[in-house]
Each structure stands twice: as C-alpha cells, then as structure tokens.
Amino acid sequence: MALNTLPAGAFADDAISSDKINLANNFAFTGTVTGAAKIGQVVHASTSSVVNTTSSSFADSNITAQITPSATSSKIFIMIRASFQLYGGGTSTNATAKFRVINTFDSSDNTLFTSTELPRYDSFDNNQDSLTNIIPIDYIDSPNTTSQCTIKLQIACVSGHFSTQVSGNRSDIFLQEILA
C-alpha cells in the first residue's frame, strides 16, 4: 500500500470513522506528536513498619520515596495508598486524625496539602473498637526544580490513637515524573 502525505486539516473532525478506515492495517506516521504528556520515570516504595501516635504534632509515617525531576517544567504525580487504624485507646469513644504530604528539596519542606481532621470515627461501641482502612491520596506537584525531591506522608492524632501499617498491612507510594 502506497503512503501519501495529507496536510493538517485535510479532513473535517468527524469525516473519518471506523467504518471508513480499517484500523487493523499498519500505518506509518512521521513528525512530532504534540500535546501528549510523557512519563519520564516511575518510583515505587512500600513499608510495613508500624507507626503509632497520640500526638497532635505531625510525625513521619515511614511512607516516603525520592525522585529527581529531569527538568524544572516536570510535574510529579503522587499516588499514596496508606494503611491506617483509628482506635479509641481506652480513653475515648471517638478517634480523629489528620495527615499531610510534604515535598522536601533544597533543604526546604514544602507542604503540598493537609487534611482537615480526616479520617474520623465517632461511633465506637466501646473504647477498644477500631477502624482499619486505606487513605487514598492522588496529587500533582509542580516543584520547579531538578533537585532530588523527597515525598513523604506525615500523620497526627486529634483524639484517640492513629496508626499506620498495622497488622502487617502495607502502605505504598508511587511517584511519576510527567514531562512537559
């Protein structure tokens, strides 16, 4: 089959459909595709190390990973799946926690976002009940740097007890560099 060159805009947007072109054929394209993002690198880390807190001050959760962007225009897509447990702890029939995501680069901590008293559980039957679940976090950061970035999840407790990675449950963090 001979290949022909077609100028940009040769067809109306709805002029070619699957009943007019056989998508099973092989096609050759030249030139540059624009407008499509490319993934530069992917980093994954996981932990099963338990972290417990009753403190209202933020503490590291052991959920952390490093990535070094290849360009200042790169974005970082952050995906965290954090295993957690809320527990009344014998002192409270409710438990409330909060978390934040930090990007540290060039010796500076940059808070990307902070939850507002979530997760929360108010209906413990007694002080020994607990709630175990996953915190899903998806976030796109634009760090404007080519320095190594350390992304981490920090946790704090408002009431009761807050733990991550309990009962052998694992937490994961995935970082993807999205090239401009």
C-alpha atoms as a PDB file:
ATOM      1  CA  MET A   1       0.000   0.000   0.000  1.00  0.00           C
ATOM      2  CA  ALA A   2       1.435   3.363  -1.033  1.00  0.00           C
ATOM      3  CA  LEU A   3       1.729   6.058   1.591  1.00  0.00           C
ATOM      4  CA  ASN A   4       0.504   9.557   0.796  1.00  0.00           C
ATOM      5  CA  THR A   5       1.059  12.792   2.645  1.00  0.00           C
ATOM      6  CA  LEU A   6      -2.023  14.561   3.916  1.00  0.00           C
ATOM      7  CA  PRO A   7      -1.850  18.163   5.052  1.00  0.00           C
ATOM      8  CA  ALA A   8      -3.068  19.134   8.504  1.00  0.00           C
ATOM      9  CA  GLY A   9      -6.797  19.883   8.406  1.00  0.00           C
ATOM     10  CA  ALA A  10      -7.400  17.770   5.283  1.00  0.00           C
ATOM     11  CA  PHE A  11     -10.467  16.199   6.880  1.00  0.00           C
ATOM     12  CA  ALA A  12     -13.295  17.553   8.991  1.00  0.00           C
ATOM     13  CA  ASP A  13     -13.170  16.341  12.607  1.00  0.00           C
ATOM     14  CA  ASP A  14     -15.966  13.811  12.044  1.00  0.00           C
ATOM     15  CA  ALA A  15     -15.059  12.827   8.457  1.00  0.00           C
ATOM     16  CA  ILE A  16     -13.191   9.579   9.235  1.00  0.00           C
ATOM     17  CA  SER A  17     -14.821   6.837  11.270  1.00  0.00           C
ATOM     18  CA  SER A  18     -14.004   3.173  11.895  1.00  0.00           C
ATOM     19  CA  ASP A  19     -16.343   2.084   9.084  1.00  0.00           C
ATOM     20  CA  LYS A  20     -14.295   4.146   6.550  1.00  0.00           C
ATOM     21  CA  ILE A  21     -10.786   3.173   7.630  1.00  0.00           C
ATOM     22  CA  ASN A  22      -9.560  -0.316   8.532  1.00  0.00           C
ATOM     23  CA  LEU A  23      -7.921   0.075  11.924  1.00  0.00           C
ATOM     24  CA  ALA A  24      -6.381  -3.413  11.595  1.00  0.00           C
ATOM     25  CA  ASN A  25      -3.970  -2.115   8.906  1.00  0.00           C
ATOM     26  CA  ASN A  26      -0.474  -0.872   9.765  1.00  0.00           C
ATOM     27  CA  PHE A  27       0.105   2.852   9.391  1.00  0.00           C
ATOM     28  CA  ALA A  28       3.339   4.853   9.374  1.00  0.00           C
ATOM     29  CA  PHE A  29       3.442   8.320  10.894  1.00  0.00           C
ATOM     30  CA  THR A  30       6.231  10.874  10.781  1.00  0.00           C
ATOM     31  CA  GLY A  31       6.643  14.148  12.553  1.00  0.00           C
ATOM     32  CA  THR A  32       6.087  15.062  16.167  1.00  0.00           C
ATOM     33  CA  VAL A  33       3.094  14.323  18.322  1.00  0.00           C
ATOM     34  CA  THR A  34       2.237  17.404  20.348  1.00  0.00           C
ATOM     35  CA  GLY A  35       0.020  17.903  23.345  1.00  0.00           C
ATOM     36  CA  ALA A  36       0.677  14.454  24.812  1.00  0.00           C
ATOM     37  CA  ALA A  37       2.443  14.156  28.146  1.00  0.00           C
ATOM     38  CA  LYS A  38       5.255  11.656  28.561  1.00  0.00           C
ATOM     39  CA  ILE A  39       6.274   9.739  31.660  1.00  0.00           C
ATOM     40  CA  GLY A  40       9.950  10.372  32.433  1.00  0.00           C
ATOM     41  CA  GLN A  41      10.348   7.936  35.333  1.00  0.00           C
ATOM     42  CA  VAL A  42       8.368   5.971  37.887  1.00  0.00           C
ATOM     43  CA  VAL A  43       9.404   5.326  41.501  1.00  0.00           C
ATOM     44  CA  HIS A  44       7.702   2.972  43.961  1.00  0.00           C
ATOM     45  CA  ALA A  45       8.317   2.376  47.647  1.00  0.00           C
ATOM     46  CA  SER A  46       6.411   0.463  50.271  1.00  0.00           C
ATOM     47  CA  THR A  47       6.585  -0.090  54.007  1.00  0.00           C
ATOM     48  CA  SER A  48       5.055  -2.380  56.595  1.00  0.00           C
ATOM     49  CA  SER A  49       6.747  -0.655  59.562  1.00  0.00           C
ATOM     50  CA  VAL A  50       4.122   0.294  62.135  1.00  0.00           C
ATOM     51  CA  VAL A  51       3.904   3.917  63.280  1.00  0.00           C
ATOM     52  CA  ASN A  52       1.660   4.786  66.268  1.00  0.00           C
ATOM     53  CA  THR A  53       0.809   8.245  67.545  1.00  0.00           C
ATOM     54  CA  THR A  54      -1.426  10.016  70.018  1.00  0.00           C
ATOM     55  CA  SER A  55       0.345  13.335  69.426  1.00  0.00           C
ATOM     56  CA  SER A  56      -1.286  16.312  67.727  1.00  0.00           C
ATOM     57  CA  SER A  57       2.113  17.173  66.186  1.00  0.00           C
ATOM     58  CA  PHE A  58       2.862  15.765  62.743  1.00  0.00           C
ATOM     59  CA  ALA A  59       5.248  12.812  62.618  1.00  0.00           C
ATOM     60  CA  ASP A  60       6.706  10.797  59.732  1.00  0.00           C
ATOM     61  CA  SER A  61       4.685   7.703  58.791  1.00  0.00           C
ATOM     62  CA  ASN A  62       7.602   5.842  57.102  1.00  0.00           C
ATOM     63  CA  ILE A  63       5.746   6.300  53.786  1.00  0.00           C
ATOM     64  CA  THR A  64       8.399   8.064  51.703  1.00  0.00           C
ATOM     65  CA  ALA A  65      10.073   7.992  48.284  1.00  0.00           C
ATOM     66  CA  GLN A  66      12.613  10.083  46.360  1.00  0.00           C
ATOM     67  CA  ILE A  67      12.548  11.275  42.760  1.00  0.00           C
ATOM     68  CA  THR A  68      14.810  13.676  40.857  1.00  0.00           C
ATOM     69  CA  PRO A  69      12.967  15.562  38.099  1.00  0.00           C
ATOM     70  CA  SER A  70      14.864  15.822  34.814  1.00  0.00           C
ATOM     71  CA  ALA A  71      13.554  19.339  34.071  1.00  0.00           C
ATOM     72  CA  THR A  72      12.166  22.269  36.053  1.00  0.00           C
ATOM     73  CA  SER A  73       8.999  22.060  33.932  1.00  0.00           C
ATOM     74  CA  SER A  74       8.282  18.487  35.037  1.00  0.00           C
ATOM     75  CA  LYS A  75       5.353  17.650  37.266  1.00  0.00           C
ATOM     76  CA  ILE A  76       5.257  14.831  39.824  1.00  0.00           C
ATOM     77  CA  PHE A  77       2.145  12.680  40.043  1.00  0.00           C
ATOM     78  CA  ILE A  78       1.971  11.357  43.611  1.00  0.00           C
ATOM     79  CA  MET A  79      -0.135   8.302  44.484  1.00  0.00           C
ATOM     80  CA  ILE A  80      -0.204   7.136  48.096  1.00  0.00           C
ATOM     81  CA  ARG A  81      -2.216   4.239  49.475  1.00  0.00           C
ATOM     82  CA  ALA A  82      -1.743   4.405  53.242  1.00  0.00           C
ATOM     83  CA  SER A  83      -2.997   1.644  55.502  1.00  0.00           C
ATOM     84  CA  PHE A  84      -4.247   3.072  58.806  1.00  0.00           C
ATOM     85  CA  GLN A  85      -6.112   2.280  62.006  1.00  0.00           C
ATOM     86  CA  LEU A  86      -8.085   4.601  64.286  1.00  0.00           C
ATOM     87  CA  TYR A  87      -8.639   3.401  67.835  1.00  0.00           C
ATOM     88  CA  GLY A  88     -10.316   4.885  70.918  1.00  0.00           C
ATOM     89  CA  GLY A  89      -7.452   3.626  73.067  1.00  0.00           C
ATOM     90  CA  GLY A  90      -9.332   3.226  76.319  1.00  0.00           C
ATOM     91  CA  THR A  91      -9.640   6.988  76.748  1.00  0.00           C
ATOM     92  CA  SER A  92     -12.130   7.967  74.063  1.00  0.00           C
ATOM     93  CA  THR A  93     -15.101   6.583  72.174  1.00  0.00           C
ATOM     94  CA  ASN A  94     -14.103   8.553  69.084  1.00  0.00           C
ATOM     95  CA  ALA A  95     -10.895   8.986  67.150  1.00  0.00           C
ATOM     96  CA  THR A  96      -9.870  11.660  64.700  1.00  0.00           C
ATOM     97  CA  ALA A  97      -6.641  12.036  62.771  1.00  0.00           C
ATOM     98  CA  LYS A  98      -5.107  14.212  60.101  1.00  0.00           C
ATOM     99  CA  PHE A  99      -2.289  13.859  57.606  1.00  0.00           C
ATOM    100  CA  ARG A 100      -0.209  15.941  55.250  1.00  0.00           C
ATOM    101  CA  VAL A 101       2.057  15.363  52.275  1.00  0.00           C
ATOM    102  CA  ILE A 102       5.476  17.054  52.244  1.00  0.00           C
ATOM    103  CA  ASN A 103       7.933  17.552  49.369  1.00  0.00           C
ATOM    104  CA  THR A 104      11.445  18.272  50.670  1.00  0.00           C
ATOM    105  CA  PHE A 105      14.066  19.611  48.252  1.00  0.00           C
ATOM    106  CA  ASP A 106      16.939  22.083  48.534  1.00  0.00           C
ATOM    107  CA  SER A 107      16.768  21.697  52.365  1.00  0.00           C
ATOM    108  CA  SER A 108      13.234  23.082  52.430  1.00  0.00           C
ATOM    109  CA  ASP A 109       9.991  21.327  53.482  1.00  0.00           C
ATOM    110  CA  ASN A 110       7.093  22.232  51.223  1.00  0.00           C
ATOM    111  CA  THR A 111       3.639  21.212  52.461  1.00  0.00           C
ATOM    112  CA  LEU A 112       1.612  20.112  49.442  1.00  0.00           C
ATOM    113  CA  PHE A 113      -1.648  19.685  51.341  1.00  0.00           C
ATOM    114  CA  THR A 114      -3.049  18.910  54.789  1.00  0.00           C
ATOM    115  CA  SER A 115      -6.274  17.050  55.585  1.00  0.00           C
ATOM    116  CA  THR A 116      -8.725  18.626  57.999  1.00  0.00           C
ATOM    117  CA  GLU A 117      -9.463  16.077  60.714  1.00  0.00           C
ATOM    118  CA  LEU A 118      -9.873  13.139  58.369  1.00  0.00           C
ATOM    119  CA  PRO A 119     -10.118  10.250  58.859  1.00  0.00           C
ATOM    120  CA  ARG A 120     -12.654  10.392  61.694  1.00  0.00           C
ATOM    121  CA  TYR A 121     -14.693   7.729  63.505  1.00  0.00           C
ATOM    122  CA  ASP A 122     -17.272   8.705  66.131  1.00  0.00           C
ATOM    123  CA  SER A 123     -19.236   5.571  66.961  1.00  0.00           C
ATOM    124  CA  PHE A 124     -17.012   3.116  68.805  1.00  0.00           C
ATOM    125  CA  ASP A 125     -19.129   0.608  70.750  1.00  0.00           C
ATOM    126  CA  ASN A 126     -16.516   0.742  73.499  1.00  0.00           C
ATOM    127  CA  ASN A 127     -13.028   2.091  73.996  1.00  0.00           C
ATOM    128  CA  GLN A 128     -11.415  -0.975  72.411  1.00  0.00           C
ATOM    129  CA  ASP A 129     -13.086  -0.833  68.956  1.00  0.00           C
ATOM    130  CA  SER A 130     -11.017   0.233  65.982  1.00  0.00           C
ATOM    131  CA  LEU A 131     -11.445   1.216  62.348  1.00  0.00           C
ATOM    132  CA  THR A 132      -8.913  -0.042  59.796  1.00  0.00           C
ATOM    133  CA  ASN A 133      -8.916   1.252  56.220  1.00  0.00           C
ATOM    134  CA  ILE A 134      -6.852   2.811  53.389  1.00  0.00           C
ATOM    135  CA  ILE A 135      -6.249   6.517  52.807  1.00  0.00           C
ATOM    136  CA  PRO A 136      -6.056   7.055  49.019  1.00  0.00           C
ATOM    137  CA  ILE A 137      -4.111  10.186  48.045  1.00  0.00           C
ATOM    138  CA  ASP A 138      -3.553  11.424  44.475  1.00  0.00           C
ATOM    139  CA  TYR A 139      -1.821  14.755  43.925  1.00  0.00           C
ATOM    140  CA  ILE A 140       0.090  16.531  41.130  1.00  0.00           C
ATOM    141  CA  ASP A 141       3.016  18.678  42.283  1.00  0.00           C
ATOM    142  CA  SER A 142       4.944  21.233  40.207  1.00  0.00           C
ATOM    143  CA  PRO A 143       8.194  21.545  42.203  1.00  0.00           C
ATOM    144  CA  ASN A 144      10.086  23.698  39.604  1.00  0.00           C
ATOM    145  CA  THR A 145      13.399  22.004  40.445  1.00  0.00           C
ATOM    146  CA  THR A 146      15.866  19.403  39.205  1.00  0.00           C
ATOM    147  CA  SER A 147      16.996  18.670  42.760  1.00  0.00           C
ATOM    148  CA  GLN A 148      16.118  15.386  44.445  1.00  0.00           C
ATOM    149  CA  CYS A 149      12.608  15.552  45.938  1.00  0.00           C
ATOM    150  CA  THR A 150      11.651  13.506  48.992  1.00  0.00           C
ATOM    151  CA  ILE A 151       7.900  12.989  49.153  1.00  0.00           C
ATOM    152  CA  LYS A 152       6.512  11.763  52.466  1.00  0.00           C
ATOM    153  CA  LEU A 153       3.268  11.336  54.356  1.00  0.00           C
ATOM    154  CA  GLN A 154       3.084  12.682  57.897  1.00  0.00           C
ATOM    155  CA  ILE A 155       0.364  11.851  60.430  1.00  0.00           C
ATOM    156  CA  ALA A 156      -1.067  13.441  63.577  1.00  0.00           C
ATOM    157  CA  CYS A 157      -3.789  12.471  66.038  1.00  0.00           C
ATOM    158  CA  VAL A 158      -6.574  14.798  67.144  1.00  0.00           C
ATOM    159  CA  SER A 159      -8.231  12.288  69.522  1.00  0.00           C
ATOM    160  CA  GLY A 160      -7.757   8.608  70.306  1.00  0.00           C
ATOM    161  CA  HIS A 161      -4.896   6.705  68.638  1.00  0.00           C
ATOM    162  CA  PHE A 162      -3.758   6.773  64.993  1.00  0.00           C
ATOM    163  CA  SER A 163      -1.519   4.092  63.476  1.00  0.00           C
ATOM    164  CA  THR A 164      -0.231   3.251  60.023  1.00  0.00           C
ATOM    165  CA  GLN A 165       0.774  -0.155  58.599  1.00  0.00           C
ATOM    166  CA  VAL A 166      -0.904  -2.160  61.411  1.00  0.00           C
ATOM    167  CA  SER A 167      -1.469  -5.937  61.432  1.00  0.00           C
ATOM    168  CA  GLY A 168       1.073  -6.494  58.659  1.00  0.00           C
ATOM    169  CA  ASN A 169      -0.749  -4.193  56.232  1.00  0.00           C
ATOM    170  CA  ARG A 170       1.478  -2.414  53.729  1.00  0.00           C
ATOM    171  CA  SER A 171       1.401   1.197  52.545  1.00  0.00           C
ATOM    172  CA  ASP A 172       2.636   2.204  49.080  1.00  0.00           C
ATOM    173  CA  ILE A 173       3.808   5.399  47.428  1.00  0.00           C
ATOM    174  CA  PHE A 174       4.187   5.817  43.664  1.00  0.00           C
ATOM    175  CA  LEU A 175       5.849   8.845  42.043  1.00  0.00           C
ATOM    176  CA  GLN A 176       5.692   9.553  38.296  1.00  0.00           C
ATOM    177  CA  GLU A 177       7.609  12.315  36.585  1.00  0.00           C
ATOM    178  CA  ILE A 178       5.387  13.869  33.914  1.00  0.00           C
ATOM    179  CA  LEU A 179       7.496  15.605  31.296  1.00  0.00           C
ATOM    180  CA  ALA A 180       6.289  18.883  29.800  1.00  0.00           C
END
